[in-house]
Structures are given as structure tokens and as C-alpha cells.
Amino acid sequence: MNDERNHEPAVGNDEEYRGPAVLTFAEAGAGAEAGDGHPVQIRMWARFEPVEGRFRWAGRTAPDAVLLERTTTGLRDARLSIGDYRAVAVRLSEPDPWGGVRLTGIGTPPWFS
């Protein structure tokens, strides 16, 4: 059986990342103050767009009740950080039927060293 929860996070210059991350919201809500970090599990991938000269990256969070509540009430912007790497702006979309939330960003992915 392949249990993703037992894998070490893959961080580096790979085009994919799967593992823990922290979302920081600018607005208070769902029992959290503005600026509080919320831990999530994510699966992300990146691609370089040569015409634009920059990366585009996207992925999903694992189902998360707090994030589900925040996005269904309108939250769309946050900051995403992975380990000791710098936090970057991320856009949140509507939750999927399983309770995960789509994340998108532009620029250097947050897991690139």
C-alpha cells in the first residue's frame, strides 16, 4: 500500500512538491487571528512559461475543515511557506468536492531553493 503520509517532503528544484506547508491569512476568521499560520498538506507542481519568462505553479491542499470554511466565506488570498523558504503570495480557489482547495501562484515556486 502506498501511504503518502509516511514520505519525507521533497524540497528542491524539482517541478513537484508534496508535503507540509503553512498558509498565512491576512484576515481573521474561523477562530484564527490575522497573520496566524495554518498548517496544511499540499501537492504542487510548477512549469516554466518561456514566453512570459516566469514560472506558474499550482496544486491542491488535502481536505481541511478550517480552510474549507475560510474559502467558502470568500477568502482568496494568502501567503504560502514551506520549511525555511520564503513565503510567497498564493491564490485560493473554490473547494473541490473532497474538501481540498486549489492553490495557484506566479513566480519562483516556494519549494525552490
Protein backbone atom coordinates (compact mmCIF):
# COMPACT_ATOMS: atom_id res chain seq x y z
CA MET A 1 0.00 0.00 0.00
CA ASN A 2 1.33 3.44 -0.90
CA ASP A 3 0.76 5.73 2.09
CA GLU A 4 1.77 9.30 1.14
CA ARG A 5 1.75 10.45 4.77
CA ASN A 6 4.89 8.41 5.51
CA HIS A 7 7.00 10.02 2.79
CA GLU A 8 9.51 12.74 3.54
CA PRO A 9 8.68 16.05 1.84
CA ALA A 10 10.51 16.54 -1.42
CA VAL A 11 12.02 20.03 -1.46
CA GLY A 12 14.48 21.39 -4.01
CA ASN A 13 14.36 22.44 -7.64
CA ASP A 14 12.01 19.64 -8.64
CA GLU A 15 8.92 20.52 -10.59
CA GLU A 16 6.76 18.84 -7.94
CA TYR A 17 6.38 19.16 -4.19
CA ARG A 18 4.30 17.02 -1.86
CA GLY A 19 4.33 17.59 1.89
CA PRO A 20 3.68 20.04 4.72
CA ALA A 21 3.26 23.78 4.28
CA VAL A 22 1.83 26.76 6.15
CA LEU A 23 -0.82 29.15 4.85
CA THR A 24 -0.91 32.60 6.45
CA PHE A 25 -4.11 34.59 6.08
CA ALA A 26 -4.28 38.39 6.09
CA GLU A 27 -7.80 38.32 7.55
CA ALA A 28 -9.01 36.90 10.86
CA GLY A 29 -11.64 34.18 10.79
CA ALA A 30 -12.53 30.59 11.77
CA GLY A 31 -11.01 31.03 15.22
CA ALA A 32 -7.70 32.43 13.94
CA GLU A 33 -6.20 35.88 14.12
CA ALA A 34 -4.88 37.67 11.03
CA GLY A 35 -1.30 36.62 10.42
CA ASP A 36 -1.65 33.24 12.14
CA GLY A 37 -0.10 30.34 10.24
CA HIS A 38 -2.32 27.37 9.39
CA PRO A 39 -0.55 24.06 8.66
CA VAL A 40 -1.71 22.14 5.59
CA GLN A 41 -0.61 19.20 3.45
CA ILE A 42 -0.17 20.11 -0.21
CA ARG A 43 0.70 18.62 -3.56
CA MET A 44 2.07 21.17 -6.04
CA TRP A 45 3.72 21.30 -9.44
CA ALA A 46 5.45 24.05 -11.43
CA ARG A 47 6.21 24.80 -15.05
CA PHE A 48 8.31 27.49 -16.65
CA GLU A 49 6.49 29.61 -19.24
CA PRO A 50 9.20 30.72 -21.71
CA VAL A 51 7.05 33.36 -23.41
CA GLU A 52 6.31 35.00 -20.05
CA GLY A 53 9.78 34.33 -18.67
CA ARG A 54 8.45 33.10 -15.32
CA PHE A 55 7.09 30.09 -13.50
CA ARG A 56 3.46 29.26 -12.96
CA TRP A 57 2.67 26.78 -10.21
CA ALA A 58 -0.47 25.17 -8.87
CA GLY A 59 -1.78 22.34 -6.77
CA ARG A 60 -4.18 21.33 -4.05
CA THR A 61 -4.38 21.03 -0.32
CA ALA A 62 -5.51 17.87 1.41
CA PRO A 63 -9.04 18.20 2.83
CA ASP A 64 -9.01 20.71 5.70
CA ALA A 65 -12.08 21.89 7.65
CA VAL A 66 -10.70 25.33 8.59
CA LEU A 67 -9.53 26.08 5.06
CA LEU A 68 -12.84 24.83 3.66
CA GLU A 69 -14.75 27.22 5.94
CA ARG A 70 -12.46 30.15 5.11
CA THR A 71 -12.68 29.69 1.33
CA THR A 72 -16.44 29.14 1.24
CA THR A 73 -16.84 32.50 3.03
CA GLY A 74 -14.73 34.28 0.41
CA LEU A 75 -11.06 34.00 1.37
CA ARG A 76 -8.96 34.06 -1.82
CA ASP A 77 -5.51 35.41 -0.92
CA ALA A 78 -2.88 34.06 1.45
CA ARG A 79 0.86 33.51 1.80
CA LEU A 80 2.34 30.03 1.44
CA SER A 81 5.55 28.94 3.13
CA ILE A 82 7.37 25.63 3.04
CA GLY A 83 10.01 24.95 5.66
CA ASP A 84 12.60 27.71 5.88
CA TYR A 85 11.93 29.02 2.37
CA ARG A 86 10.44 32.47 1.91
CA ALA A 87 6.67 32.89 1.97
CA VAL A 88 5.03 33.73 -1.36
CA ALA A 89 1.62 35.04 -2.37
CA VAL A 90 -0.86 32.33 -3.30
CA ARG A 91 -4.38 32.45 -4.71
CA LEU A 92 -7.03 30.09 -3.28
CA SER A 93 -9.94 28.78 -5.35
CA GLU A 94 -13.25 27.18 -4.50
CA PRO A 95 -13.01 23.89 -2.58
CA ASP A 96 -13.28 20.66 -4.54
CA PRO A 97 -15.92 18.00 -3.68
CA TRP A 98 -13.46 16.25 -1.33
CA GLY A 99 -12.68 19.37 0.76
CA GLY A 100 -9.32 20.27 -0.80
CA VAL A 101 -8.59 23.78 -2.07
CA ARG A 102 -6.77 24.64 -5.30
CA LEU A 103 -3.71 26.89 -4.90
CA THR A 104 -2.10 28.90 -7.71
CA GLY A 105 0.88 31.21 -7.93
CA ILE A 106 3.22 33.01 -10.29
CA GLY A 107 6.98 33.38 -9.95
CA THR A 108 9.55 31.20 -8.28
CA PRO A 109 7.76 28.31 -6.53
CA PRO A 110 8.03 28.35 -2.73
CA TRP A 111 9.84 24.99 -2.63
CA PHE A 112 12.67 26.01 -4.99
CA SER A 113 15.99 26.54 -3.21
